[in-house]
Amino acid sequence: PARSLPAEFVPGGAVRPEAFEQVAGARLSQSMRSGEPLLPALVEQARDGVFSTRIRPGIRAMTIQVDEVNSVSGMLQPGDRIDLMFSVRPPSVAGRAQADELTAPLMQDLVVLATGSQVLASGEPSGIGRPFTSITVEVSPEQAQRLIVAQRSGRLTATLRHPDDRAPAQAGVLDAERRLGV
């Protein structure tokens, strides 16, 4: 039901009763208290039920296979941000010992669009979501190429970020010898 408020107390841009039909039936992106003015930023846009409408122009959605370790023990949720680490054993060269496996950051601050077929966060405490064997991440076309090559030539490991941590991590290539200080 609409509630009367003095004009000076109505936030700019609040949904007025005559415009309510434009948002009727939409989901709220966060909870509200009774009597609070409805702001357009709190209303999720209609999705037409098509996953592709969630992808921003110029960006691609790419699915990668994960196991329990690479899915952060199944705790990833759509909307989480991750870094991808790439591990590979360089090809052996005649006359040299087999090189140690190398691990390096591949991509940072990727948005998880889906875990398996789940495209919305479950709202359940971490670790209670449905099991999944793939995640879909948001990448640029160039990142998609790098990710395809990495999947075919090595192993990927996802590391979960805090939602407010958007800074690039300063990490380099690491192998067992450097890690152990040999």
N, C-alpha and C. Protein backbone atom coordinates (compact mmCIF):
# COMPACT_ATOMS: atom_id res chain seq x y z
N PRO A 1 0.83 -1.18 0.00
CA PRO A 1 0.00 0.00 0.00
C PRO A 1 0.88 1.25 0.00
N ALA A 2 0.41 2.25 -0.71
CA ALA A 2 1.11 3.53 -0.77
C ALA A 2 0.92 4.28 0.54
N ARG A 3 1.93 5.04 0.89
CA ARG A 3 1.90 5.81 2.13
C ARG A 3 2.22 7.25 1.79
N SER A 4 1.52 8.18 2.40
CA SER A 4 1.76 9.60 2.17
C SER A 4 2.94 10.06 3.01
N LEU A 5 3.84 10.82 2.36
CA LEU A 5 4.99 11.41 3.04
C LEU A 5 5.12 12.86 2.59
N PRO A 6 5.54 13.74 3.49
CA PRO A 6 5.82 15.11 3.04
C PRO A 6 6.93 15.07 1.99
N ALA A 7 6.82 15.90 0.97
CA ALA A 7 7.75 15.90 -0.16
C ALA A 7 9.19 16.04 0.28
N GLU A 8 9.48 16.80 1.34
CA GLU A 8 10.87 17.00 1.77
C GLU A 8 11.49 15.74 2.37
N PHE A 9 10.69 14.75 2.72
CA PHE A 9 11.21 13.51 3.28
C PHE A 9 11.33 12.38 2.25
N VAL A 10 10.88 12.61 1.04
CA VAL A 10 10.94 11.59 -0.01
C VAL A 10 12.29 11.71 -0.71
N PRO A 11 13.09 10.63 -0.70
CA PRO A 11 14.38 10.69 -1.39
C PRO A 11 14.17 10.90 -2.89
N GLY A 12 15.10 11.62 -3.50
CA GLY A 12 15.04 11.81 -4.95
C GLY A 12 15.09 10.48 -5.66
N GLY A 13 14.26 10.32 -6.66
CA GLY A 13 14.25 9.08 -7.43
C GLY A 13 13.39 7.98 -6.83
N ALA A 14 12.77 8.20 -5.67
CA ALA A 14 11.93 7.16 -5.07
C ALA A 14 10.80 6.80 -6.03
N VAL A 15 10.41 5.52 -6.02
CA VAL A 15 9.32 5.07 -6.89
C VAL A 15 8.01 5.62 -6.32
N ARG A 16 7.34 6.41 -7.13
CA ARG A 16 6.07 7.02 -6.71
C ARG A 16 4.92 6.05 -7.04
N PRO A 17 3.79 6.19 -6.34
CA PRO A 17 2.67 5.25 -6.56
C PRO A 17 2.25 5.14 -8.02
N GLU A 18 2.27 6.25 -8.75
CA GLU A 18 1.83 6.20 -10.16
C GLU A 18 2.82 5.43 -11.05
N ALA A 19 4.06 5.22 -10.58
CA ALA A 19 5.07 4.48 -11.36
C ALA A 19 5.30 3.07 -10.82
N PHE A 20 4.53 2.67 -9.82
CA PHE A 20 4.75 1.37 -9.18
C PHE A 20 4.57 0.20 -10.14
N GLU A 21 3.69 0.30 -11.10
CA GLU A 21 3.46 -0.79 -12.04
C GLU A 21 4.73 -1.19 -12.79
N GLN A 22 5.68 -0.26 -12.94
CA GLN A 22 6.92 -0.55 -13.65
C GLN A 22 7.81 -1.51 -12.87
N VAL A 23 7.63 -1.60 -11.55
CA VAL A 23 8.45 -2.49 -10.72
C VAL A 23 7.64 -3.59 -10.05
N ALA A 24 6.32 -3.58 -10.23
CA ALA A 24 5.47 -4.59 -9.60
C ALA A 24 5.92 -5.99 -10.00
N GLY A 25 6.07 -6.87 -9.04
CA GLY A 25 6.46 -8.26 -9.27
C GLY A 25 7.96 -8.48 -9.34
N ALA A 26 8.76 -7.40 -9.35
CA ALA A 26 10.22 -7.55 -9.39
C ALA A 26 10.74 -7.93 -8.00
N ARG A 27 11.93 -8.49 -7.96
CA ARG A 27 12.56 -8.88 -6.70
C ARG A 27 13.36 -7.71 -6.14
N LEU A 28 13.43 -7.65 -4.81
CA LEU A 28 14.28 -6.66 -4.16
C LEU A 28 15.70 -7.20 -4.07
N SER A 29 16.69 -6.33 -4.26
CA SER A 29 18.08 -6.77 -4.16
C SER A 29 18.56 -6.80 -2.71
N GLN A 30 17.81 -6.18 -1.80
CA GLN A 30 18.10 -6.25 -0.36
C GLN A 30 16.80 -6.04 0.38
N SER A 31 16.77 -6.44 1.64
CA SER A 31 15.54 -6.33 2.41
C SER A 31 15.26 -4.88 2.77
N MET A 32 13.99 -4.60 2.98
CA MET A 32 13.54 -3.25 3.36
C MET A 32 12.64 -3.36 4.58
N ARG A 33 12.56 -2.26 5.32
CA ARG A 33 11.62 -2.20 6.45
C ARG A 33 10.29 -1.63 5.96
N SER A 34 9.26 -1.98 6.64
CA SER A 34 7.93 -1.47 6.32
C SER A 34 7.94 0.05 6.41
N GLY A 35 7.37 0.70 5.40
CA GLY A 35 7.28 2.15 5.40
C GLY A 35 8.43 2.88 4.73
N GLU A 36 9.52 2.16 4.40
CA GLU A 36 10.65 2.81 3.72
C GLU A 36 10.28 3.12 2.28
N PRO A 37 10.75 4.27 1.77
CA PRO A 37 10.50 4.57 0.35
C PRO A 37 11.26 3.57 -0.53
N LEU A 38 10.64 3.17 -1.62
CA LEU A 38 11.25 2.23 -2.55
C LEU A 38 12.10 2.99 -3.56
N LEU A 39 13.39 2.62 -3.63
CA LEU A 39 14.30 3.24 -4.59
C LEU A 39 14.56 2.29 -5.73
N PRO A 40 14.66 2.78 -6.96
CA PRO A 40 14.90 1.91 -8.12
C PRO A 40 16.15 1.05 -7.96
N ALA A 41 17.17 1.53 -7.26
CA ALA A 41 18.41 0.77 -7.08
C ALA A 41 18.19 -0.49 -6.25
N LEU A 42 17.09 -0.55 -5.50
CA LEU A 42 16.80 -1.72 -4.67
C LEU A 42 16.00 -2.79 -5.42
N VAL A 43 15.64 -2.52 -6.66
CA VAL A 43 14.83 -3.44 -7.44
C VAL A 43 15.71 -4.11 -8.49
N GLU A 44 15.71 -5.46 -8.49
CA GLU A 44 16.47 -6.18 -9.51
C GLU A 44 15.74 -6.07 -10.84
N GLN A 45 16.50 -5.91 -11.89
CA GLN A 45 15.90 -5.82 -13.21
C GLN A 45 15.40 -7.18 -13.66
N ALA A 46 14.35 -7.18 -14.45
CA ALA A 46 13.80 -8.43 -14.99
C ALA A 46 14.85 -9.10 -15.85
N ARG A 47 14.88 -10.41 -15.82
CA ARG A 47 15.92 -11.17 -16.52
C ARG A 47 15.40 -11.98 -17.70
N ASP A 48 14.13 -11.96 -17.97
CA ASP A 48 13.55 -12.72 -19.09
C ASP A 48 13.83 -14.21 -18.99
N GLY A 49 14.45 -14.69 -17.92
CA GLY A 49 14.74 -16.10 -17.77
C GLY A 49 15.87 -16.59 -18.65
N VAL A 50 16.56 -15.69 -19.36
CA VAL A 50 17.65 -16.07 -20.26
C VAL A 50 18.97 -15.69 -19.63
N PHE A 51 19.85 -16.66 -19.49
CA PHE A 51 21.13 -16.41 -18.82
C PHE A 51 21.96 -15.36 -19.56
N SER A 52 21.90 -15.34 -20.87
CA SER A 52 22.72 -14.42 -21.64
C SER A 52 22.42 -12.96 -21.33
N THR A 53 21.23 -12.65 -20.80
CA THR A 53 20.92 -11.27 -20.46
C THR A 53 21.70 -10.79 -19.25
N ARG A 54 22.32 -11.70 -18.52
CA ARG A 54 23.13 -11.32 -17.35
C ARG A 54 24.54 -10.89 -17.74
N ILE A 55 24.93 -11.15 -18.97
CA ILE A 55 26.30 -10.87 -19.42
C ILE A 55 26.36 -9.45 -19.97
N ARG A 56 27.31 -8.69 -19.48
CA ARG A 56 27.47 -7.32 -19.94
C ARG A 56 27.99 -7.29 -21.38
N PRO A 57 27.63 -6.28 -22.14
CA PRO A 57 28.14 -6.18 -23.52
C PRO A 57 29.68 -6.15 -23.52
N GLY A 58 30.28 -6.87 -24.47
CA GLY A 58 31.73 -6.94 -24.58
C GLY A 58 32.37 -7.97 -23.67
N ILE A 59 31.59 -8.61 -22.85
CA ILE A 59 32.08 -9.62 -21.89
C ILE A 59 31.53 -10.97 -22.30
N ARG A 60 32.23 -12.03 -21.90
CA ARG A 60 31.79 -13.39 -22.22
C ARG A 60 31.62 -14.19 -20.93
N ALA A 61 30.75 -15.17 -20.97
CA ALA A 61 30.62 -16.14 -19.88
C ALA A 61 31.32 -17.40 -20.35
N MET A 62 32.17 -17.94 -19.48
CA MET A 62 32.92 -19.15 -19.85
C MET A 62 32.86 -20.13 -18.70
N THR A 63 32.55 -21.37 -19.01
CA THR A 63 32.44 -22.42 -18.01
C THR A 63 33.73 -23.20 -17.95
N ILE A 64 34.19 -23.44 -16.72
CA ILE A 64 35.39 -24.26 -16.51
C ILE A 64 35.04 -25.38 -15.55
N GLN A 65 35.68 -26.52 -15.77
CA GLN A 65 35.46 -27.68 -14.91
C GLN A 65 36.22 -27.49 -13.60
N VAL A 66 35.60 -27.89 -12.50
CA VAL A 66 36.24 -27.80 -11.19
C VAL A 66 36.01 -29.10 -10.43
N ASP A 67 36.91 -29.35 -9.49
CA ASP A 67 36.68 -30.45 -8.56
C ASP A 67 36.43 -29.83 -7.20
N GLU A 68 36.33 -30.63 -6.14
CA GLU A 68 36.01 -30.08 -4.83
C GLU A 68 37.04 -29.07 -4.36
N VAL A 69 38.32 -29.33 -4.60
CA VAL A 69 39.36 -28.39 -4.18
C VAL A 69 39.23 -27.09 -4.97
N ASN A 70 39.09 -27.19 -6.29
CA ASN A 70 39.04 -26.00 -7.13
C ASN A 70 37.73 -25.25 -7.04
N SER A 71 36.76 -25.77 -6.33
CA SER A 71 35.51 -25.05 -6.11
C SER A 71 35.49 -24.49 -4.70
N VAL A 72 36.65 -24.39 -4.07
CA VAL A 72 36.79 -23.92 -2.68
C VAL A 72 35.84 -24.75 -1.81
N SER A 73 36.00 -26.07 -1.92
CA SER A 73 35.20 -27.05 -1.19
C SER A 73 33.70 -26.87 -1.39
N GLY A 74 33.31 -26.44 -2.58
CA GLY A 74 31.89 -26.30 -2.89
C GLY A 74 31.25 -25.06 -2.29
N MET A 75 32.05 -24.16 -1.72
CA MET A 75 31.48 -22.98 -1.07
C MET A 75 31.30 -21.80 -2.00
N LEU A 76 31.79 -21.87 -3.23
CA LEU A 76 31.59 -20.75 -4.15
C LEU A 76 30.10 -20.55 -4.41
N GLN A 77 29.73 -19.30 -4.58
CA GLN A 77 28.35 -18.94 -4.88
C GLN A 77 28.36 -17.99 -6.08
N PRO A 78 27.31 -17.97 -6.88
CA PRO A 78 27.22 -16.94 -7.91
C PRO A 78 27.34 -15.56 -7.27
N GLY A 79 28.12 -14.70 -7.91
CA GLY A 79 28.36 -13.37 -7.36
C GLY A 79 29.69 -13.25 -6.64
N ASP A 80 30.28 -14.39 -6.24
CA ASP A 80 31.60 -14.36 -5.60
C ASP A 80 32.64 -13.89 -6.61
N ARG A 81 33.77 -13.44 -6.10
CA ARG A 81 34.91 -13.04 -6.94
C ARG A 81 36.06 -13.98 -6.61
N ILE A 82 36.76 -14.41 -7.67
CA ILE A 82 37.85 -15.36 -7.50
C ILE A 82 39.08 -14.93 -8.28
N ASP A 83 40.22 -15.49 -7.90
CA ASP A 83 41.44 -15.43 -8.70
C ASP A 83 41.67 -16.85 -9.20
N LEU A 84 42.24 -16.97 -10.38
CA LEU A 84 42.59 -18.29 -10.92
C LEU A 84 44.11 -18.41 -10.96
N MET A 85 44.62 -19.48 -10.37
CA MET A 85 46.05 -19.80 -10.41
C MET A 85 46.22 -20.90 -11.45
N PHE A 86 47.34 -20.84 -12.18
CA PHE A 86 47.63 -21.79 -13.24
C PHE A 86 48.88 -22.57 -12.86
N SER A 87 48.79 -23.89 -12.89
CA SER A 87 49.94 -24.76 -12.60
C SER A 87 50.22 -25.62 -13.82
N VAL A 88 51.51 -25.71 -14.17
CA VAL A 88 51.91 -26.48 -15.35
C VAL A 88 53.33 -26.99 -15.15
N ARG A 89 53.60 -28.14 -15.70
CA ARG A 89 54.96 -28.67 -15.72
C ARG A 89 55.54 -28.37 -17.09
N PRO A 90 56.60 -27.55 -17.15
CA PRO A 90 57.19 -27.23 -18.46
C PRO A 90 57.63 -28.49 -19.17
N PRO A 91 57.61 -28.49 -20.49
CA PRO A 91 58.05 -29.68 -21.24
C PRO A 91 59.52 -29.97 -20.95
N SER A 92 59.85 -31.24 -20.93
CA SER A 92 61.24 -31.61 -20.65
C SER A 92 62.10 -31.33 -21.88
N VAL A 93 63.35 -30.98 -21.60
CA VAL A 93 64.33 -30.68 -22.64
C VAL A 93 65.37 -31.78 -22.59
N ALA A 94 65.79 -32.28 -23.76
CA ALA A 94 66.77 -33.36 -23.84
C ALA A 94 68.03 -32.98 -23.05
N GLY A 95 68.49 -33.90 -22.22
CA GLY A 95 69.71 -33.69 -21.45
C GLY A 95 69.50 -32.95 -20.15
N ARG A 96 68.28 -32.56 -19.83
CA ARG A 96 68.01 -31.86 -18.57
C ARG A 96 67.03 -32.66 -17.73
N ALA A 97 67.13 -32.47 -16.43
CA ALA A 97 66.18 -33.13 -15.52
C ALA A 97 64.79 -32.54 -15.72
N GLN A 98 63.79 -33.33 -15.40
CA GLN A 98 62.40 -32.87 -15.50
C GLN A 98 62.24 -31.61 -14.64
N ALA A 99 61.68 -30.56 -15.22
CA ALA A 99 61.48 -29.30 -14.50
C ALA A 99 60.36 -29.45 -13.48
N ASP A 100 60.47 -28.69 -12.38
CA ASP A 100 59.41 -28.67 -11.38
C ASP A 100 58.17 -28.00 -11.96
N GLU A 101 57.02 -28.36 -11.40
CA GLU A 101 55.77 -27.71 -11.78
C GLU A 101 55.83 -26.25 -11.36
N LEU A 102 55.35 -25.37 -12.21
CA LEU A 102 55.30 -23.94 -11.92
C LEU A 102 53.87 -23.53 -11.66
N THR A 103 53.69 -22.60 -10.74
CA THR A 103 52.37 -22.04 -10.46
C THR A 103 52.46 -20.53 -10.54
N ALA A 104 51.50 -19.92 -11.23
CA ALA A 104 51.48 -18.47 -11.40
C ALA A 104 50.04 -17.98 -11.44
N PRO A 105 49.81 -16.72 -11.05
CA PRO A 105 48.47 -16.16 -11.20
C PRO A 105 48.11 -16.10 -12.69
N LEU A 106 46.91 -16.51 -13.03
CA LEU A 106 46.46 -16.45 -14.42
C LEU A 106 45.52 -15.27 -14.62
N MET A 107 44.50 -15.17 -13.76
CA MET A 107 43.53 -14.08 -13.84
C MET A 107 43.08 -13.72 -12.44
N GLN A 108 42.73 -12.46 -12.24
CA GLN A 108 42.34 -12.00 -10.93
C GLN A 108 41.00 -11.28 -10.97
N ASP A 109 40.29 -11.38 -9.86
CA ASP A 109 39.04 -10.64 -9.65
C ASP A 109 37.97 -10.98 -10.68
N LEU A 110 37.81 -12.27 -10.96
CA LEU A 110 36.76 -12.71 -11.88
C LEU A 110 35.45 -12.89 -11.12
N VAL A 111 34.35 -12.54 -11.73
CA VAL A 111 33.04 -12.73 -11.13
C VAL A 111 32.53 -14.13 -11.48
N VAL A 112 32.06 -14.87 -10.48
CA VAL A 112 31.43 -16.17 -10.69
C VAL A 112 29.97 -15.90 -11.05
N LEU A 113 29.59 -16.26 -12.28
CA LEU A 113 28.22 -16.06 -12.73
C LEU A 113 27.31 -17.22 -12.33
N ALA A 114 27.89 -18.43 -12.29
CA ALA A 114 27.09 -19.60 -11.95
C ALA A 114 27.99 -20.68 -11.37
N THR A 115 27.40 -21.49 -10.52
CA THR A 115 28.07 -22.70 -10.01
C THR A 115 27.19 -23.86 -10.45
N GLY A 116 27.71 -24.68 -11.35
CA GLY A 116 26.85 -25.68 -11.98
C GLY A 116 25.78 -24.94 -12.75
N SER A 117 24.52 -25.25 -12.48
CA SER A 117 23.42 -24.54 -13.14
C SER A 117 22.78 -23.50 -12.24
N GLN A 118 23.36 -23.29 -11.06
CA GLN A 118 22.82 -22.30 -10.11
C GLN A 118 23.33 -20.91 -10.48
N VAL A 119 22.43 -20.00 -10.82
CA VAL A 119 22.83 -18.66 -11.25
C VAL A 119 22.56 -17.59 -10.20
N LEU A 120 21.90 -17.94 -9.12
CA LEU A 120 21.66 -17.01 -8.02
C LEU A 120 22.26 -17.58 -6.76
N ALA A 121 22.83 -16.73 -5.91
CA ALA A 121 23.36 -17.18 -4.63
C ALA A 121 22.23 -17.84 -3.84
N SER A 122 22.57 -18.93 -3.15
CA SER A 122 21.53 -19.70 -2.46
C SER A 122 21.01 -19.02 -1.22
N GLY A 123 21.78 -18.11 -0.64
CA GLY A 123 21.36 -17.48 0.61
C GLY A 123 21.62 -18.37 1.81
N GLU A 124 22.08 -19.57 1.55
CA GLU A 124 22.41 -20.50 2.64
C GLU A 124 23.81 -20.21 3.15
N PRO A 125 24.09 -20.59 4.40
CA PRO A 125 25.47 -20.42 4.88
C PRO A 125 26.43 -21.15 3.97
N SER A 126 27.65 -20.63 3.85
CA SER A 126 28.65 -21.24 2.96
C SER A 126 28.79 -22.72 3.21
N GLY A 127 28.94 -23.46 2.13
CA GLY A 127 29.17 -24.89 2.22
C GLY A 127 27.91 -25.71 2.18
N ILE A 128 26.72 -25.07 2.13
CA ILE A 128 25.47 -25.83 2.14
C ILE A 128 24.82 -25.83 0.76
N GLY A 129 25.48 -25.23 -0.23
CA GLY A 129 24.91 -25.19 -1.57
C GLY A 129 24.90 -26.56 -2.23
N ARG A 130 24.32 -26.62 -3.43
CA ARG A 130 24.28 -27.88 -4.18
C ARG A 130 25.66 -28.19 -4.71
N PRO A 131 25.99 -29.48 -4.83
CA PRO A 131 27.29 -29.83 -5.40
C PRO A 131 27.33 -29.45 -6.88
N PHE A 132 28.52 -29.11 -7.37
CA PHE A 132 28.68 -28.74 -8.77
C PHE A 132 30.05 -29.14 -9.25
N THR A 133 30.18 -29.32 -10.56
CA THR A 133 31.46 -29.72 -11.14
C THR A 133 31.96 -28.69 -12.15
N SER A 134 31.26 -27.57 -12.26
CA SER A 134 31.71 -26.50 -13.15
C SER A 134 31.32 -25.16 -12.56
N ILE A 135 32.09 -24.14 -12.94
CA ILE A 135 31.73 -22.77 -12.61
C ILE A 135 31.77 -21.95 -13.89
N THR A 136 30.92 -20.97 -13.97
CA THR A 136 30.90 -20.06 -15.12
C THR A 136 31.37 -18.71 -14.62
N VAL A 137 32.39 -18.18 -15.29
CA VAL A 137 32.98 -16.92 -14.89
C VAL A 137 32.81 -15.89 -16.00
N GLU A 138 32.90 -14.63 -15.60
CA GLU A 138 32.80 -13.51 -16.53
C GLU A 138 34.22 -13.15 -16.98
N VAL A 139 34.46 -13.17 -18.30
CA VAL A 139 35.79 -12.87 -18.84
C VAL A 139 35.67 -12.01 -20.09
N SER A 140 36.76 -11.32 -20.40
CA SER A 140 36.83 -10.61 -21.68
C SER A 140 37.15 -11.65 -22.75
N PRO A 141 36.96 -11.32 -24.03
CA PRO A 141 37.33 -12.28 -25.08
C PRO A 141 38.80 -12.70 -25.01
N GLU A 142 39.70 -11.76 -24.68
CA GLU A 142 41.12 -12.10 -24.57
C GLU A 142 41.37 -13.05 -23.39
N GLN A 143 40.70 -12.79 -22.27
CA GLN A 143 40.84 -13.69 -21.12
C GLN A 143 40.30 -15.07 -21.46
N ALA A 144 39.24 -15.14 -22.25
CA ALA A 144 38.68 -16.43 -22.65
C ALA A 144 39.71 -17.25 -23.41
N GLN A 145 40.45 -16.60 -24.31
CA GLN A 145 41.50 -17.31 -25.05
C GLN A 145 42.57 -17.84 -24.09
N ARG A 146 43.03 -17.01 -23.17
CA ARG A 146 44.06 -17.43 -22.21
C ARG A 146 43.55 -18.58 -21.35
N LEU A 147 42.29 -18.52 -20.97
CA LEU A 147 41.71 -19.56 -20.13
C LEU A 147 41.59 -20.88 -20.88
N ILE A 148 41.25 -20.84 -22.14
CA ILE A 148 41.17 -22.06 -22.96
C ILE A 148 42.54 -22.72 -23.04
N VAL A 149 43.57 -21.93 -23.34
CA VAL A 149 44.94 -22.48 -23.42
C VAL A 149 45.35 -23.06 -22.08
N ALA A 150 45.07 -22.34 -20.99
CA ALA A 150 45.46 -22.81 -19.66
C ALA A 150 44.76 -24.12 -19.30
N GLN A 151 43.47 -24.22 -19.61
CA GLN A 151 42.73 -25.45 -19.29
C GLN A 151 43.30 -26.65 -20.03
N ARG A 152 43.76 -26.44 -21.24
CA ARG A 152 44.26 -27.54 -22.07
C ARG A 152 45.69 -27.91 -21.77
N SER A 153 46.43 -27.02 -21.13
CA SER A 153 47.86 -27.30 -20.92
C SER A 153 48.27 -27.44 -19.47
N GLY A 154 47.39 -27.17 -18.54
CA GLY A 154 47.77 -27.26 -17.13
C GLY A 154 46.55 -27.44 -16.24
N ARG A 155 46.70 -27.02 -15.01
CA ARG A 155 45.65 -27.18 -13.99
C ARG A 155 45.29 -25.80 -13.43
N LEU A 156 44.00 -25.57 -13.20
CA LEU A 156 43.52 -24.32 -12.63
C LEU A 156 43.08 -24.54 -11.19
N THR A 157 43.36 -23.56 -10.36
CA THR A 157 42.90 -23.57 -8.97
C THR A 157 42.27 -22.22 -8.69
N ALA A 158 41.05 -22.24 -8.17
CA ALA A 158 40.35 -21.00 -7.82
C ALA A 158 40.65 -20.63 -6.38
N THR A 159 40.87 -19.34 -6.14
CA THR A 159 41.01 -18.84 -4.78
C THR A 159 39.94 -17.76 -4.59
N LEU A 160 39.23 -17.87 -3.49
CA LEU A 160 38.10 -16.99 -3.21
C LEU A 160 38.58 -15.67 -2.62
N ARG A 161 38.00 -14.57 -3.07
CA ARG A 161 38.32 -13.22 -2.58
C ARG A 161 37.20 -12.72 -1.65
N HIS A 162 37.57 -11.81 -0.75
CA HIS A 162 36.56 -11.08 0.02
C HIS A 162 35.86 -10.15 -0.97
N PRO A 163 34.56 -9.92 -0.85
CA PRO A 163 33.86 -9.10 -1.83
C PRO A 163 34.39 -7.67 -1.95
N ASP A 164 34.99 -7.15 -0.89
CA ASP A 164 35.51 -5.77 -0.95
C ASP A 164 36.95 -5.71 -1.41
N ASP A 165 37.63 -6.85 -1.57
CA ASP A 165 39.03 -6.88 -1.98
C ASP A 165 39.11 -6.94 -3.49
N ARG A 166 39.33 -5.79 -4.10
CA ARG A 166 39.38 -5.72 -5.56
C ARG A 166 40.79 -5.43 -6.05
N ALA A 167 41.74 -5.27 -5.14
CA ALA A 167 43.11 -4.92 -5.52
C ALA A 167 43.83 -6.10 -6.15
N PRO A 168 44.67 -5.84 -7.16
CA PRO A 168 45.44 -6.93 -7.75
C PRO A 168 46.45 -7.49 -6.75
N ALA A 169 46.56 -8.80 -6.73
CA ALA A 169 47.54 -9.45 -5.85
C ALA A 169 48.90 -9.42 -6.54
N GLN A 170 49.93 -9.18 -5.78
CA GLN A 170 51.29 -9.14 -6.32
C GLN A 170 51.94 -10.49 -6.09
N ALA A 171 51.75 -11.39 -7.02
CA ALA A 171 52.32 -12.73 -6.91
C ALA A 171 53.01 -13.06 -8.22
N GLY A 172 54.11 -13.77 -8.13
CA GLY A 172 54.84 -14.16 -9.33
C GLY A 172 54.81 -15.66 -9.53
N VAL A 173 55.62 -16.11 -10.46
CA VAL A 173 55.74 -17.54 -10.73
C VAL A 173 56.49 -18.19 -9.58
N LEU A 174 56.02 -19.35 -9.17
CA LEU A 174 56.63 -20.06 -8.04
C LEU A 174 56.78 -21.53 -8.39
N ASP A 175 57.92 -22.10 -8.05
CA ASP A 175 58.10 -23.55 -8.18
C ASP A 175 58.57 -24.07 -6.83
N ALA A 176 58.69 -25.40 -6.72
CA ALA A 176 59.04 -26.01 -5.44
C ALA A 176 60.41 -25.53 -4.93
N GLU A 177 61.37 -25.38 -5.82
CA GLU A 177 62.70 -24.94 -5.38
C GLU A 177 62.65 -23.55 -4.78
N ARG A 178 61.97 -22.63 -5.44
CA ARG A 178 61.88 -21.26 -4.89
C ARG A 178 61.06 -21.24 -3.61
N ARG A 179 60.02 -22.03 -3.55
CA ARG A 179 59.16 -22.08 -2.36
C ARG A 179 59.94 -22.59 -1.17
N LEU A 180 60.79 -23.57 -1.40
CA LEU A 180 61.56 -24.16 -0.30
C LEU A 180 62.87 -23.44 -0.05
N GLY A 181 63.16 -22.44 -0.86
CA GLY A 181 64.40 -21.68 -0.68
C GLY A 181 65.64 -22.41 -1.10
N VAL A 182 65.51 -23.36 -2.03
CA VAL A 182 66.66 -24.15 -2.48
C VAL A 182 67.39 -23.40 -3.57
